[in-house]
């Protein structure tokens, strides 16, 4: 790994405090991004203090906000996760007024996660806008995410910090072909639309694994299980919950195609993880996952479809399942992409430049 960049003491920050939510259910892209970024900064010699803030984020109690105030007090430079920041605009504004440089690491607007009652939507919108306007810089995880936040709230001091990727072994694949949905089971991730598309392909040989935490929206997760049980023969669709480590790596090795047809996605780290394994992907059109797919270059290792057009998705998957030349072209493009993906070392260097600017 390359050593830290040559910088002078006048431009290199003395250290940075990260305020991250504690106790969130299941693994998520945002949590993995935060943890990988901290590790990469520490590997460069950047002094990082992580303060894990427990609480019912993004709907905090008074004691949760008090913990944020205490963690912000007396700090010169703080990076605060957007899930906390969006719920603590007054605390951010007070810290900024006291001279703290507050950077919000903004993964996704709370308004994109679910369909909320109008009054709650407006309450969240007001608090999120106030928090973002109070920050020194809003760090977004993709160009799509930066544009989305500006579209929602007007001009803001945004910077883009793409996630890195870890090196991975090329996948072997399976017979019959193995599809993977790797995401938290929520309406935004759109599992039901994908299963509806697959229900029109029961005449073809394939299997699909649905991997990810199911606690964020238990009602939706139950609908996914019920649909899978009623629409498909046994073992065609496996809903197996969250997996990490060697178990997840074994799943990646057996996968031939990733499906991430989300309604909203700032980037989709799982897409670049798939590409690191040489696996192509079908993603949601109009989301940040298209940006992740485009890292491969001019020849895309997959395609994008409208998230709720399950007939369009069915047509794409039927062609992929029945056309060996298309499967080969996507797989070869994914193999090329493995050498183009950003590393966490590069992400950490970029973060240092943002903090020093």
Protein backbone atom coordinates (compact mmCIF):
# COMPACT_ATOMS: atom_id res chain seq x y z
CA UNK A 1 0.00 0.00 0.00
CA UNK A 2 1.39 3.45 -0.88
CA UNK A 3 2.50 5.60 2.02
CA UNK A 4 0.70 8.78 3.09
CA UNK A 5 0.95 11.80 0.82
CA UNK A 6 3.67 14.36 1.53
CA UNK A 7 1.87 17.23 3.22
CA UNK A 8 2.97 20.04 5.43
CA UNK A 9 1.75 20.45 9.02
CA UNK A 10 -0.10 23.60 7.98
CA UNK A 11 -2.40 21.67 5.64
CA UNK A 12 -2.68 18.27 7.30
CA UNK A 13 -5.49 18.09 9.91
CA UNK A 14 -4.30 17.09 13.39
CA UNK A 15 -7.14 14.59 13.70
CA UNK A 16 -10.79 14.03 13.03
CA UNK A 17 -13.66 12.87 15.21
CA UNK A 18 -16.27 10.64 13.54
CA UNK A 19 -19.76 10.55 15.07
CA UNK A 20 -21.40 7.34 13.87
CA UNK A 21 -24.73 5.73 14.81
CA UNK A 22 -24.42 2.72 17.11
CA UNK A 23 -26.57 -0.38 17.21
CA UNK A 24 -28.12 -0.18 13.74
CA UNK A 25 -29.83 -3.44 12.69
CA UNK A 26 -27.94 -5.67 10.29
CA UNK A 27 -25.06 -4.89 7.94
CA UNK A 28 -25.69 -1.98 5.56
CA UNK A 29 -23.82 -0.17 2.83
CA UNK A 30 -23.62 2.99 4.92
CA UNK A 31 -22.17 1.21 7.94
CA UNK A 32 -19.63 -0.66 5.84
CA UNK A 33 -18.65 2.59 4.07
CA UNK A 34 -18.05 4.35 7.39
CA UNK A 35 -16.01 1.52 8.85
CA UNK A 36 -13.89 1.06 5.72
CA UNK A 37 -13.21 4.79 5.44
CA UNK A 38 -12.04 5.00 9.07
CA UNK A 39 -9.75 1.99 8.63
CA UNK A 40 -8.26 3.44 5.43
CA UNK A 41 -7.64 6.83 7.06
CA UNK A 42 -5.93 5.16 10.01
CA UNK A 43 -3.78 3.15 7.61
CA UNK A 44 -2.54 6.47 6.16
CA UNK A 45 -1.60 7.67 9.63
CA UNK A 46 -4.53 10.07 9.95
CA UNK A 47 -5.59 10.29 13.60
CA UNK A 48 -9.25 9.31 13.92
CA UNK A 49 -11.43 9.19 17.02
CA UNK A 50 -14.68 7.30 16.53
CA UNK A 51 -17.58 8.16 18.83
CA UNK A 52 -20.42 5.65 18.47
CA UNK A 53 -23.68 7.44 19.35
CA UNK A 54 -26.49 5.12 20.43
CA UNK A 55 -30.04 6.23 19.87
CA UNK A 56 -33.25 5.67 17.95
CA UNK A 57 -31.93 7.33 14.79
CA UNK A 58 -33.34 9.05 12.84
CA UNK A 59 -36.03 9.66 15.48
CA UNK A 60 -33.93 10.51 18.54
CA UNK A 61 -34.96 11.03 22.12
CA UNK A 62 -33.72 13.99 24.18
CA UNK A 63 -30.89 11.93 25.68
CA UNK A 64 -29.71 10.96 22.18
CA UNK A 65 -29.43 14.60 21.16
CA UNK A 66 -27.66 15.38 24.42
CA UNK A 67 -25.05 12.76 23.52
CA UNK A 68 -24.54 14.45 20.14
CA UNK A 69 -24.10 17.85 21.80
CA UNK A 70 -21.53 16.42 24.19
CA UNK A 71 -19.63 14.72 21.38
CA UNK A 72 -19.52 17.92 19.32
CA UNK A 73 -18.43 20.17 22.15
CA UNK A 74 -14.83 21.32 22.00
CA UNK A 75 -13.99 19.51 18.78
CA UNK A 76 -12.13 21.28 16.01
CA UNK A 77 -13.19 18.97 13.18
CA UNK A 78 -16.04 16.46 13.15
CA UNK A 79 -17.44 14.12 10.51
CA UNK A 80 -21.01 13.16 11.42
CA UNK A 81 -23.05 10.48 9.71
CA UNK A 82 -26.10 11.83 7.90
CA UNK A 83 -28.48 9.56 9.80
CA UNK A 84 -27.55 11.40 13.01
CA UNK A 85 -27.04 14.80 11.41
CA UNK A 86 -30.46 14.91 9.77
CA UNK A 87 -32.05 14.53 13.20
CA UNK A 88 -29.82 17.05 15.00
CA UNK A 89 -29.84 20.36 13.08
CA UNK A 90 -29.77 22.56 16.20
CA UNK A 91 -26.78 20.71 17.60
CA UNK A 92 -24.89 21.06 14.31
CA UNK A 93 -25.67 24.75 14.00
CA UNK A 94 -24.53 25.39 17.59
CA UNK A 95 -21.27 23.50 17.06
CA UNK A 96 -20.56 25.37 13.83
CA UNK A 97 -21.24 28.69 15.55
CA UNK A 98 -18.72 27.70 18.25
CA UNK A 99 -16.02 27.15 15.62
CA UNK A 100 -16.25 23.41 14.92
CA UNK A 101 -15.82 22.41 11.28
CA UNK A 102 -18.73 20.03 10.76
CA UNK A 103 -18.66 17.66 7.78
CA UNK A 104 -21.82 15.64 7.15
CA UNK A 105 -21.18 12.26 5.56
CA UNK A 106 -24.49 12.06 3.71
CA UNK A 107 -25.38 8.62 2.38
CA UNK A 108 -29.04 9.11 1.41
CA UNK A 109 -31.89 11.47 2.20
CA UNK A 110 -34.27 10.12 4.82
CA UNK A 111 -37.09 11.04 2.45
CA UNK A 112 -35.92 8.45 -0.08
CA UNK A 113 -36.14 5.46 2.24
CA UNK A 114 -39.88 5.04 2.59
CA UNK A 115 -43.27 6.50 1.82
CA UNK A 116 -44.18 8.57 4.86
CA UNK A 117 -47.29 10.53 5.90
CA UNK A 118 -47.17 14.11 4.54
CA UNK A 119 -46.73 15.71 7.96
CA UNK A 120 -43.77 13.49 8.86
CA UNK A 121 -42.24 14.00 5.42
CA UNK A 122 -42.33 17.76 5.89
CA UNK A 123 -40.90 17.53 9.41
CA UNK A 124 -37.99 15.40 8.19
CA UNK A 125 -37.42 17.68 5.20
CA UNK A 126 -37.15 20.79 7.38
CA UNK A 127 -34.73 19.18 9.84
CA UNK A 128 -32.59 17.65 7.11
CA UNK A 129 -32.34 20.95 5.23
CA UNK A 130 -31.36 22.84 8.39
CA UNK A 131 -28.69 20.29 9.23
CA UNK A 132 -27.14 20.33 5.76
CA UNK A 133 -27.18 24.12 5.61
CA UNK A 134 -25.38 24.26 8.96
CA UNK A 135 -22.47 22.07 7.83
CA UNK A 136 -19.10 23.26 6.59
CA UNK A 137 -19.20 20.58 3.85
CA UNK A 138 -21.67 17.88 2.80
CA UNK A 139 -19.71 14.81 1.70
CA UNK A 140 -21.73 12.68 -0.73
CA UNK A 141 -20.92 9.14 -1.77
CA UNK A 142 -21.48 9.67 -5.51
CA UNK A 143 -22.10 12.39 -8.09
CA UNK A 144 -25.71 11.18 -8.22
CA UNK A 145 -26.04 11.67 -4.47
CA UNK A 146 -24.55 15.18 -4.63
CA UNK A 147 -26.98 16.17 -7.38
CA UNK A 148 -29.91 14.63 -5.50
CA UNK A 149 -29.22 16.63 -2.34
CA UNK A 150 -28.90 19.87 -4.32
CA UNK A 151 -32.12 19.10 -6.17
CA UNK A 152 -33.88 18.66 -2.84
CA UNK A 153 -32.40 21.56 -0.89
CA UNK A 154 -30.75 23.99 -3.26
CA UNK A 155 -27.07 24.99 -3.45
CA UNK A 156 -24.91 23.37 -0.76
CA UNK A 157 -21.13 22.97 -0.29
CA UNK A 158 -20.97 19.37 -1.53
CA UNK A 159 -17.96 17.15 -2.23
CA UNK A 160 -18.06 13.66 -3.77
CA UNK A 161 -16.23 10.80 -2.04
CA UNK A 162 -16.74 7.54 -3.93
CA UNK A 163 -16.49 4.36 -1.86
CA UNK A 164 -13.52 2.13 -2.42
CA UNK A 165 -13.51 -1.61 -3.01
CA UNK A 166 -11.62 -4.51 -1.53
CA UNK A 167 -9.78 -6.96 -3.81
CA UNK A 168 -11.78 -10.16 -4.37
CA UNK A 169 -11.40 -13.50 -6.10
CA UNK A 170 -13.31 -13.98 -9.38
CA UNK A 171 -16.60 -15.80 -8.96
CA UNK A 172 -16.94 -19.32 -10.33
CA UNK A 173 -20.70 -19.20 -11.00
CA UNK A 174 -23.24 -22.01 -10.87
CA UNK A 175 -25.36 -24.43 -12.86
CA UNK A 176 -28.19 -23.57 -13.09
CA UNK A 177 -27.35 -19.89 -13.25
CA UNK A 178 -27.40 -18.21 -9.84
CA UNK A 179 -28.90 -14.74 -9.29
CA UNK A 180 -28.26 -12.67 -6.17
CA UNK A 181 -30.28 -9.97 -4.42
CA UNK A 182 -27.93 -8.61 -1.74
CA UNK A 183 -29.68 -5.78 0.12
CA UNK A 184 -31.77 -5.00 3.15
CA UNK A 185 -35.33 -6.22 2.50
CA UNK A 186 -37.19 -2.91 2.24
CA UNK A 187 -39.56 -1.34 -0.31
CA UNK A 188 -36.76 0.92 -1.61
CA UNK A 189 -34.69 -2.11 -2.58
CA UNK A 190 -37.69 -3.37 -4.56
CA UNK A 191 -37.51 -7.12 -4.00
CA UNK A 192 -41.16 -7.69 -4.94
CA UNK A 193 -40.75 -6.15 -8.40
CA UNK A 194 -37.78 -8.44 -9.04
CA UNK A 195 -39.70 -11.52 -7.89
CA UNK A 196 -42.64 -10.54 -10.12
CA UNK A 197 -40.26 -10.40 -13.08
CA UNK A 198 -38.78 -13.78 -12.17
CA UNK A 199 -42.24 -15.31 -11.87
CA UNK A 200 -42.52 -14.95 -15.65
CA UNK A 201 -39.32 -16.94 -16.15
CA UNK A 202 -40.23 -20.19 -14.41
CA UNK A 203 -39.83 -22.03 -17.71
CA UNK A 204 -36.05 -21.40 -17.58
CA UNK A 205 -33.42 -22.92 -15.26
CA UNK A 206 -32.12 -20.49 -12.61
CA UNK A 207 -31.99 -19.99 -8.86
CA UNK A 208 -31.94 -16.82 -6.77
CA UNK A 209 -30.64 -16.05 -3.29
CA UNK A 210 -32.10 -13.13 -1.33
CA UNK A 211 -29.47 -12.10 1.19
CA UNK A 212 -29.73 -9.22 3.65
CA UNK A 213 -31.24 -8.08 6.95
CA UNK A 214 -35.02 -8.25 7.23
CA UNK A 215 -35.65 -6.23 10.40
CA UNK A 216 -35.99 -2.69 8.98
CA UNK A 217 -39.46 -3.36 7.56
CA UNK A 218 -40.79 -6.71 8.85
CA UNK A 219 -44.12 -6.30 7.05
CA UNK A 220 -42.45 -5.94 3.68
CA UNK A 221 -40.06 -8.79 4.42
CA UNK A 222 -43.04 -11.05 5.17
CA UNK A 223 -44.62 -10.09 1.84
CA UNK A 224 -41.40 -11.04 0.05
CA UNK A 225 -41.34 -14.44 1.77
CA UNK A 226 -45.02 -15.07 1.05
CA UNK A 227 -44.64 -14.16 -2.62
CA UNK A 228 -41.60 -16.41 -2.96
CA UNK A 229 -43.37 -19.33 -1.27
CA UNK A 230 -46.53 -18.98 -3.38
CA UNK A 231 -45.03 -18.18 -6.78
CA UNK A 232 -42.09 -20.59 -7.00
CA UNK A 233 -41.37 -24.24 -6.40
CA UNK A 234 -39.33 -25.16 -3.35
CA UNK A 235 -35.65 -24.13 -3.39
CA UNK A 236 -35.99 -21.95 -6.52
CA UNK A 237 -35.91 -18.81 -4.32
CA UNK A 238 -33.95 -18.83 -1.07
CA UNK A 239 -34.45 -16.05 1.49
CA UNK A 240 -31.54 -16.58 3.86
CA UNK A 241 -31.10 -13.37 5.87
CA UNK A 242 -27.90 -11.41 6.47
CA UNK A 243 -24.56 -13.04 5.76
CA UNK A 244 -21.01 -11.78 6.23
CA UNK A 245 -17.43 -13.05 6.10
CA UNK A 246 -16.73 -16.46 4.61
CA UNK A 247 -20.44 -17.26 4.24
CA UNK A 248 -20.98 -14.20 2.07
CA UNK A 249 -17.80 -14.87 0.10
CA UNK A 250 -19.10 -18.36 -0.70
CA UNK A 251 -22.33 -16.82 -1.99
CA UNK A 252 -20.38 -14.38 -4.18
CA UNK A 253 -18.34 -17.24 -5.63
CA UNK A 254 -21.48 -19.07 -6.75
CA UNK A 255 -23.17 -15.97 -8.25
CA UNK A 256 -23.57 -15.28 -11.97
CA UNK A 257 -25.60 -12.02 -11.87
CA UNK A 258 -26.39 -9.37 -9.25
CA UNK A 259 -29.83 -7.74 -9.18
CA UNK A 260 -30.09 -4.31 -7.48
CA UNK A 261 -33.15 -2.71 -9.05
CA UNK A 262 -33.68 -0.18 -6.26
CA UNK A 263 -36.05 2.77 -6.49
CA UNK A 264 -33.33 5.00 -5.02
CA UNK A 265 -29.65 4.29 -4.52
CA UNK A 266 -26.86 6.79 -3.95
CA UNK A 267 -24.22 4.47 -5.38
CA UNK A 268 -24.75 0.84 -4.48
CA UNK A 269 -21.50 -0.45 -3.00
CA UNK A 270 -22.77 -3.95 -3.67
CA UNK A 271 -22.44 -3.23 -7.40
CA UNK A 272 -18.72 -2.52 -7.18
CA UNK A 273 -18.36 -5.53 -4.86
CA UNK A 274 -19.95 -7.62 -7.59
CA UNK A 275 -17.59 -6.15 -10.19
CA UNK A 276 -14.62 -6.89 -7.92
CA UNK A 277 -15.72 -10.54 -8.17
CA UNK A 278 -16.12 -10.25 -11.95
CA UNK A 279 -19.92 -10.44 -11.67
CA UNK A 280 -22.17 -8.25 -13.88
CA UNK A 281 -25.26 -6.49 -12.53
CA UNK A 282 -28.72 -5.27 -13.46
CA UNK A 283 -29.50 -2.02 -11.62
CA UNK A 284 -32.25 0.55 -11.25
CA UNK A 285 -32.33 3.22 -13.94
CA UNK A 286 -32.06 6.79 -12.66
CA UNK A 287 -30.17 5.78 -9.50
CA UNK A 288 -26.57 6.08 -8.39
CA UNK A 289 -26.05 2.41 -9.20
CA UNK A 290 -25.71 3.39 -12.84
CA UNK A 291 -22.71 5.47 -11.79
CA UNK A 292 -21.18 2.43 -10.11
CA UNK A 293 -21.78 0.30 -13.21
CA UNK A 294 -20.21 2.95 -15.44
CA UNK A 295 -16.87 2.68 -13.60
CA UNK A 296 -16.23 -0.25 -15.94
CA UNK A 297 -15.83 2.07 -18.93
CA UNK A 298 -17.67 2.27 -22.24
CA UNK A 299 -18.70 -1.40 -22.30
CA UNK A 300 -21.08 -1.92 -19.38
CA UNK A 301 -21.03 -5.16 -17.37
CA UNK A 302 -24.82 -5.25 -17.23
CA UNK A 303 -27.63 -2.80 -17.77
CA UNK A 304 -30.19 -0.56 -16.05
CA UNK A 305 -33.97 -0.97 -16.05
CA UNK A 306 -36.82 1.13 -14.73
CA UNK A 307 -37.26 -0.01 -11.12
CA UNK A 308 -41.00 -0.75 -11.23
CA UNK A 309 -41.18 -2.04 -14.79
CA UNK A 310 -41.14 -5.73 -13.94
CA UNK A 311 -42.11 -6.62 -17.52
CA UNK A 312 -39.01 -4.78 -18.78
CA UNK A 313 -36.86 -6.53 -16.19
CA UNK A 314 -38.38 -9.87 -17.17
CA UNK A 315 -37.43 -9.24 -20.82
CA UNK A 316 -33.84 -8.32 -19.89
CA UNK A 317 -33.43 -11.39 -17.70
CA UNK A 318 -34.97 -13.70 -20.32
CA UNK A 319 -32.45 -12.49 -22.87
CA UNK A 320 -29.55 -12.90 -20.41
CA UNK A 321 -30.69 -16.39 -19.42
CA UNK A 322 -31.10 -17.58 -23.03
CA UNK A 323 -28.26 -15.76 -24.84
CA UNK A 324 -24.80 -17.16 -24.04
CA UNK A 325 -23.14 -14.39 -26.05
CA UNK A 326 -24.74 -11.71 -23.89
CA UNK A 327 -23.70 -13.50 -20.71
CA UNK A 328 -20.14 -13.75 -22.00
CA UNK A 329 -20.03 -10.06 -23.00
CA UNK A 330 -21.26 -8.91 -19.60
CA UNK A 331 -18.91 -11.24 -17.77
CA UNK A 332 -15.91 -10.06 -19.83
CA UNK A 333 -16.83 -6.41 -19.15
CA UNK A 334 -17.06 -7.18 -15.43
CA UNK A 335 -13.60 -8.77 -15.56
CA UNK A 336 -12.19 -5.62 -17.16
CA UNK A 337 -13.90 -3.49 -14.50
CA UNK A 338 -12.01 -5.27 -11.69
CA UNK A 339 -8.88 -3.27 -12.59
CA UNK A 340 -10.73 0.07 -12.81
CA UNK A 341 -12.42 0.15 -9.42
CA UNK A 342 -11.38 2.76 -6.83
CA UNK A 343 -9.59 1.45 -3.73
CA UNK A 344 -10.21 2.50 -0.14
CA UNK A 345 -6.67 3.83 -0.08
CA UNK A 346 -7.58 6.26 -2.86
CA UNK A 347 -10.81 7.17 -1.06
CA UNK A 348 -8.89 7.94 2.14
CA UNK A 349 -6.39 10.15 0.28
CA UNK A 350 -9.31 12.07 -1.22
CA UNK A 351 -10.92 12.42 2.20
CA UNK A 352 -7.71 13.89 3.57
CA UNK A 353 -7.75 16.50 0.82
CA UNK A 354 -11.35 17.39 1.63
CA UNK A 355 -10.57 17.77 5.32
CA UNK A 356 -7.47 19.85 4.62
CA UNK A 357 -9.11 22.19 2.10
